[in-house]
Amino acid sequence: MHPKLTPEMREALLEKPGQPVTVEDDQTHLHYILLPLKVYQRVRSIFGDESFDVVDTYAAQSAVAGSAGWDDPEMDVYDDYDSHRAVP
């Protein structure tokens, strides 16, 4: 079943192209989001897999952080940031 957009929904979508639009069921008062299929597919690919655990990404994050210069000795100054702050 593919419900059709009401003219009001279509107008709201046209006012914010590519952006999500909140709609309310006038009987249940529940709120829903209308968004373009491409946006939904991107979000679903990120959050749709219930087996996703951020811990699984730690190794990749560590590799990227190291390659981004975090291991650079010049970054050591940030480890002692508070001692360099002006105290009012």
C-alpha atoms as a PDB file:
ATOM      1  CA  MET A   1       0.000   0.000   0.000  1.00  0.00           C
ATOM      2  CA  HIS A   2       1.361   3.413  -0.988  1.00  0.00           C
ATOM      3  CA  PRO A   3      -0.706   6.224   0.536  1.00  0.00           C
ATOM      4  CA  LYS A   4      -0.817   9.375  -1.539  1.00  0.00           C
ATOM      5  CA  LEU A   5       0.392  12.759  -0.379  1.00  0.00           C
ATOM      6  CA  THR A   6      -2.227  15.274   0.536  1.00  0.00           C
ATOM      7  CA  PRO A   7      -1.962  18.706  -1.084  1.00  0.00           C
ATOM      8  CA  GLU A   8      -0.922  20.076   2.343  1.00  0.00           C
ATOM      9  CA  MET A   9       1.926  17.536   2.620  1.00  0.00           C
ATOM     10  CA  ARG A  10       3.071  18.247  -0.931  1.00  0.00           C
ATOM     11  CA  GLU A  11       3.142  21.980  -0.216  1.00  0.00           C
ATOM     12  CA  ALA A  12       5.209  21.429   2.958  1.00  0.00           C
ATOM     13  CA  LEU A  13       7.682  19.262   1.020  1.00  0.00           C
ATOM     14  CA  LEU A  14       7.971  21.879  -1.727  1.00  0.00           C
ATOM     15  CA  GLU A  15       8.683  24.583   0.856  1.00  0.00           C
ATOM     16  CA  LYS A  16      11.688  22.587   2.146  1.00  0.00           C
ATOM     17  CA  PRO A  17      13.092  20.649  -0.816  1.00  0.00           C
ATOM     18  CA  GLY A  18      15.113  17.645   0.293  1.00  0.00           C
ATOM     19  CA  GLN A  19      14.386  18.281   3.966  1.00  0.00           C
ATOM     20  CA  PRO A  20      12.301  16.203   6.385  1.00  0.00           C
ATOM     21  CA  VAL A  21       8.770  17.406   7.099  1.00  0.00           C
ATOM     22  CA  THR A  22       6.910  16.573  10.322  1.00  0.00           C
ATOM     23  CA  VAL A  23       3.279  15.500   9.972  1.00  0.00           C
ATOM     24  CA  GLU A  24       0.714  14.672  12.648  1.00  0.00           C
ATOM     25  CA  ASP A  25      -1.961  12.000  12.590  1.00  0.00           C
ATOM     26  CA  ASP A  26      -5.087  13.933  13.548  1.00  0.00           C
ATOM     27  CA  GLN A  27      -6.627  10.849  15.190  1.00  0.00           C
ATOM     28  CA  THR A  28      -3.715   9.481  17.242  1.00  0.00           C
ATOM     29  CA  HIS A  29      -1.743  12.742  17.497  1.00  0.00           C
ATOM     30  CA  LEU A  30       1.424  10.794  16.720  1.00  0.00           C
ATOM     31  CA  HIS A  31       4.068  12.632  14.723  1.00  0.00           C
ATOM     32  CA  TYR A  32       5.797  11.219  11.659  1.00  0.00           C
ATOM     33  CA  ILE A  33       8.545  12.405   9.368  1.00  0.00           C
ATOM     34  CA  LEU A  34       8.238  12.637   5.597  1.00  0.00           C
ATOM     35  CA  LEU A  35      11.567  12.619   3.851  1.00  0.00           C
ATOM     36  CA  PRO A  36      12.838  11.890   0.375  1.00  0.00           C
ATOM     37  CA  LEU A  37      13.565   8.216  -0.262  1.00  0.00           C
ATOM     38  CA  LYS A  38      17.257   8.928  -0.927  1.00  0.00           C
ATOM     39  CA  VAL A  39      17.604  10.584   2.488  1.00  0.00           C
ATOM     40  CA  TYR A  40      15.775   7.714   4.191  1.00  0.00           C
ATOM     41  CA  GLN A  41      18.054   5.165   2.512  1.00  0.00           C
ATOM     42  CA  ARG A  42      21.151   7.023   3.728  1.00  0.00           C
ATOM     43  CA  VAL A  43      19.835   7.200   7.289  1.00  0.00           C
ATOM     44  CA  ARG A  44      18.729   3.593   7.214  1.00  0.00           C
ATOM     45  CA  SER A  45      22.161   2.482   6.033  1.00  0.00           C
ATOM     46  CA  ILE A  46      23.692   4.215   9.055  1.00  0.00           C
ATOM     47  CA  PHE A  47      21.190   3.247  11.745  1.00  0.00           C
ATOM     48  CA  GLY A  48      19.189   0.454  10.162  1.00  0.00           C
ATOM     49  CA  ASP A  49      21.466  -2.377  11.193  1.00  0.00           C
ATOM     50  CA  GLU A  50      20.498  -3.208  14.769  1.00  0.00           C
ATOM     51  CA  SER A  51      23.693  -5.204  15.221  1.00  0.00           C
ATOM     52  CA  PHE A  52      25.755  -2.010  14.808  1.00  0.00           C
ATOM     53  CA  ASP A  53      27.935  -1.229  17.816  1.00  0.00           C
ATOM     54  CA  VAL A  54      30.128   1.872  17.869  1.00  0.00           C
ATOM     55  CA  VAL A  55      32.820  -0.193  19.606  1.00  0.00           C
ATOM     56  CA  ASP A  56      33.272  -2.022  16.299  1.00  0.00           C
ATOM     57  CA  THR A  57      34.576   1.237  14.806  1.00  0.00           C
ATOM     58  CA  TYR A  58      37.227   1.979  17.453  1.00  0.00           C
ATOM     59  CA  ALA A  59      40.085   0.368  15.537  1.00  0.00           C
ATOM     60  CA  ALA A  60      39.312   2.420  12.437  1.00  0.00           C
ATOM     61  CA  GLN A  61      38.899   5.588  14.488  1.00  0.00           C
ATOM     62  CA  SER A  62      42.245   5.001  16.173  1.00  0.00           C
ATOM     63  CA  ALA A  63      43.978   4.497  12.842  1.00  0.00           C
ATOM     64  CA  VAL A  64      42.474   7.697  11.447  1.00  0.00           C
ATOM     65  CA  ALA A  65      43.245   9.734  14.571  1.00  0.00           C
ATOM     66  CA  GLY A  66      46.861   8.601  14.514  1.00  0.00           C
ATOM     67  CA  SER A  67      47.246   9.457  10.870  1.00  0.00           C
ATOM     68  CA  ALA A  68      45.640  12.850  11.461  1.00  0.00           C
ATOM     69  CA  GLY A  69      48.596  13.992  13.557  1.00  0.00           C
ATOM     70  CA  TRP A  70      47.466  13.111  17.069  1.00  0.00           C
ATOM     71  CA  ASP A  71      50.747  11.295  17.611  1.00  0.00           C
ATOM     72  CA  ASP A  72      52.711  14.343  16.475  1.00  0.00           C
ATOM     73  CA  PRO A  73      54.888  15.677  19.358  1.00  0.00           C
ATOM     74  CA  GLU A  74      53.658  19.212  18.567  1.00  0.00           C
ATOM     75  CA  MET A  75      50.199  18.090  19.700  1.00  0.00           C
ATOM     76  CA  ASP A  76      51.496  17.452  23.251  1.00  0.00           C
ATOM     77  CA  VAL A  77      50.735  21.065  24.132  1.00  0.00           C
ATOM     78  CA  TYR A  78      47.027  20.173  24.046  1.00  0.00           C
ATOM     79  CA  ASP A  79      47.541  17.607  26.813  1.00  0.00           C
ATOM     80  CA  ASP A  80      48.445  20.459  29.165  1.00  0.00           C
ATOM     81  CA  TYR A  81      45.914  22.998  27.889  1.00  0.00           C
ATOM     82  CA  ASP A  82      44.500  24.023  31.279  1.00  0.00           C
ATOM     83  CA  SER A  83      47.838  25.207  32.643  1.00  0.00           C
ATOM     84  CA  HIS A  84      48.132  27.674  29.742  1.00  0.00           C
ATOM     85  CA  ARG A  85      44.665  29.143  30.170  1.00  0.00           C
ATOM     86  CA  ALA A  86      44.322  32.598  31.636  1.00  0.00           C
ATOM     87  CA  VAL A  87      42.630  32.464  35.030  1.00  0.00           C
ATOM     88  CA  PRO A  88      40.223  35.358  35.693  1.00  0.00           C
END
